């Protein structure tokens, strides 16, 4: 579920629930969020790699951490597609 960048002080209820569940820490780097941090909700296992749109597959992350993870996820997705004979 791709969500727009949000600041900690203005989180929607779903993102706020993840923040509480993660005890205020980014699901990728483990650093605490600050009120001014840009955040996004990330699928831990990407949908295109078989991940589900459910709470157990979602994490709240820093925007910059999400950018880096997405780059790695895209590499895996492209590799999987090549192995299946599909193109991007």
C-alpha atoms as a PDB file:
ATOM      1  CA  UNK A   1       0.000   0.000   0.000  1.00  0.00           C
ATOM      2  CA  UNK A   2       1.761   3.111  -1.189  1.00  0.00           C
ATOM      3  CA  UNK A   3       0.942   6.065   0.981  1.00  0.00           C
ATOM      4  CA  UNK A   4       1.978   9.646   0.537  1.00  0.00           C
ATOM      5  CA  UNK A   5       4.785  10.988   2.661  1.00  0.00           C
ATOM      6  CA  UNK A   6       3.472  11.901   6.056  1.00  0.00           C
ATOM      7  CA  UNK A   7       5.031  13.565   9.036  1.00  0.00           C
ATOM      8  CA  UNK A   8       4.746  11.831  12.384  1.00  0.00           C
ATOM      9  CA  UNK A   9       2.443  14.497  13.799  1.00  0.00           C
ATOM     10  CA  UNK A  10      -0.100  13.995  11.006  1.00  0.00           C
ATOM     11  CA  UNK A  11      -0.241  10.216  10.591  1.00  0.00           C
ATOM     12  CA  UNK A  12      -3.427   8.530   9.470  1.00  0.00           C
ATOM     13  CA  UNK A  13      -4.869   5.935  11.882  1.00  0.00           C
ATOM     14  CA  UNK A  14      -3.274   2.939  10.087  1.00  0.00           C
ATOM     15  CA  UNK A  15       0.199   4.476  10.110  1.00  0.00           C
ATOM     16  CA  UNK A  16      -0.248   5.590  13.734  1.00  0.00           C
ATOM     17  CA  UNK A  17      -1.097   1.988  14.677  1.00  0.00           C
ATOM     18  CA  UNK A  18       2.108   0.773  12.994  1.00  0.00           C
ATOM     19  CA  UNK A  19       4.090   3.457  14.830  1.00  0.00           C
ATOM     20  CA  UNK A  20       2.784   2.177  18.165  1.00  0.00           C
ATOM     21  CA  UNK A  21       3.372  -1.474  17.191  1.00  0.00           C
ATOM     22  CA  UNK A  22       6.973  -0.664  16.182  1.00  0.00           C
ATOM     23  CA  UNK A  23       7.532   1.315  19.387  1.00  0.00           C
ATOM     24  CA  UNK A  24       8.412   4.484  17.496  1.00  0.00           C
ATOM     25  CA  UNK A  25      11.125   2.897  15.340  1.00  0.00           C
ATOM     26  CA  UNK A  26      11.586   2.584  11.579  1.00  0.00           C
ATOM     27  CA  UNK A  27      10.911  -0.943  10.346  1.00  0.00           C
ATOM     28  CA  UNK A  28      14.031  -0.851   8.166  1.00  0.00           C
ATOM     29  CA  UNK A  29      16.839   0.974   9.986  1.00  0.00           C
ATOM     30  CA  UNK A  30      15.527   0.678  13.543  1.00  0.00           C
ATOM     31  CA  UNK A  31      16.120   4.344  14.350  1.00  0.00           C
ATOM     32  CA  UNK A  32      13.458   6.273  16.233  1.00  0.00           C
ATOM     33  CA  UNK A  33      11.191   8.580  14.269  1.00  0.00           C
ATOM     34  CA  UNK A  34      11.295  12.308  14.961  1.00  0.00           C
ATOM     35  CA  UNK A  35       8.183  14.487  14.595  1.00  0.00           C
ATOM     36  CA  UNK A  36       9.580  16.087  11.426  1.00  0.00           C
ATOM     37  CA  UNK A  37      10.542  12.794   9.706  1.00  0.00           C
ATOM     38  CA  UNK A  38       8.852  11.928   6.424  1.00  0.00           C
ATOM     39  CA  UNK A  39       7.346   8.457   6.675  1.00  0.00           C
ATOM     40  CA  UNK A  40       5.751   5.894   4.399  1.00  0.00           C
ATOM     41  CA  UNK A  41       4.000   2.576   4.848  1.00  0.00           C
ATOM     42  CA  UNK A  42       5.930  -0.229   3.160  1.00  0.00           C
ATOM     43  CA  UNK A  43       5.038  -3.785   2.196  1.00  0.00           C
ATOM     44  CA  UNK A  44       7.694  -5.918   3.865  1.00  0.00           C
ATOM     45  CA  UNK A  45       7.350  -8.497   1.091  1.00  0.00           C
ATOM     46  CA  UNK A  46       6.395  -6.671  -2.126  1.00  0.00           C
ATOM     47  CA  UNK A  47       3.018  -7.521  -3.658  1.00  0.00           C
ATOM     48  CA  UNK A  48       4.742  -8.450  -6.938  1.00  0.00           C
ATOM     49  CA  UNK A  49       6.796 -11.042  -5.049  1.00  0.00           C
ATOM     50  CA  UNK A  50       3.748 -12.630  -3.437  1.00  0.00           C
ATOM     51  CA  UNK A  51       3.304 -10.317  -0.460  1.00  0.00           C
ATOM     52  CA  UNK A  52      -0.185  -9.673   0.838  1.00  0.00           C
ATOM     53  CA  UNK A  53      -1.955  -6.422   1.626  1.00  0.00           C
ATOM     54  CA  UNK A  54      -2.400  -7.149   5.291  1.00  0.00           C
ATOM     55  CA  UNK A  55      -1.194  -5.611   8.520  1.00  0.00           C
ATOM     56  CA  UNK A  56       1.417  -8.313   9.150  1.00  0.00           C
ATOM     57  CA  UNK A  57       3.095  -7.380   5.837  1.00  0.00           C
ATOM     58  CA  UNK A  58       3.195  -3.646   6.498  1.00  0.00           C
ATOM     59  CA  UNK A  59       5.723  -1.482   8.285  1.00  0.00           C
ATOM     60  CA  UNK A  60       6.194   2.224   8.878  1.00  0.00           C
ATOM     61  CA  UNK A  61       9.519   3.435   7.518  1.00  0.00           C
ATOM     62  CA  UNK A  62      11.508   6.598   6.916  1.00  0.00           C
ATOM     63  CA  UNK A  63      11.046   7.996   3.422  1.00  0.00           C
ATOM     64  CA  UNK A  64      14.761   7.660   2.649  1.00  0.00           C
ATOM     65  CA  UNK A  65      14.834   4.054   3.914  1.00  0.00           C
ATOM     66  CA  UNK A  66      11.841   3.260   1.702  1.00  0.00           C
ATOM     67  CA  UNK A  67      13.596   4.648  -1.375  1.00  0.00           C
ATOM     68  CA  UNK A  68      16.591   2.363  -0.782  1.00  0.00           C
ATOM     69  CA  UNK A  69      14.427  -0.697  -0.059  1.00  0.00           C
ATOM     70  CA  UNK A  70      12.339  -0.076  -3.172  1.00  0.00           C
ATOM     71  CA  UNK A  71      15.495  -0.081  -5.316  1.00  0.00           C
ATOM     72  CA  UNK A  72      16.433  -3.493  -3.910  1.00  0.00           C
ATOM     73  CA  UNK A  73      12.861  -4.775  -4.233  1.00  0.00           C
ATOM     74  CA  UNK A  74      12.792  -3.759  -7.903  1.00  0.00           C
ATOM     75  CA  UNK A  75      15.991  -5.708  -8.547  1.00  0.00           C
ATOM     76  CA  UNK A  76      14.371  -8.818  -7.049  1.00  0.00           C
ATOM     77  CA  UNK A  77      11.128  -8.257  -8.980  1.00  0.00           C
ATOM     78  CA  UNK A  78      13.000  -7.845 -12.274  1.00  0.00           C
ATOM     79  CA  UNK A  79      15.046 -10.979 -11.574  1.00  0.00           C
ATOM     80  CA  UNK A  80      11.898 -12.985 -10.814  1.00  0.00           C
ATOM     81  CA  UNK A  81      10.237 -11.719 -13.991  1.00  0.00           C
ATOM     82  CA  UNK A  82      13.277 -12.649 -16.106  1.00  0.00           C
ATOM     83  CA  UNK A  83      13.261 -16.127 -14.610  1.00  0.00           C
ATOM     84  CA  UNK A  84       9.580 -16.478 -15.578  1.00  0.00           C
ATOM     85  CA  UNK A  85      10.287 -15.130 -19.059  1.00  0.00           C
ATOM     86  CA  UNK A  86       8.310 -11.936 -18.459  1.00  0.00           C
ATOM     87  CA  UNK A  87       9.435  -8.388 -19.255  1.00  0.00           C
ATOM     88  CA  UNK A  88       9.074  -5.214 -17.232  1.00  0.00           C
END
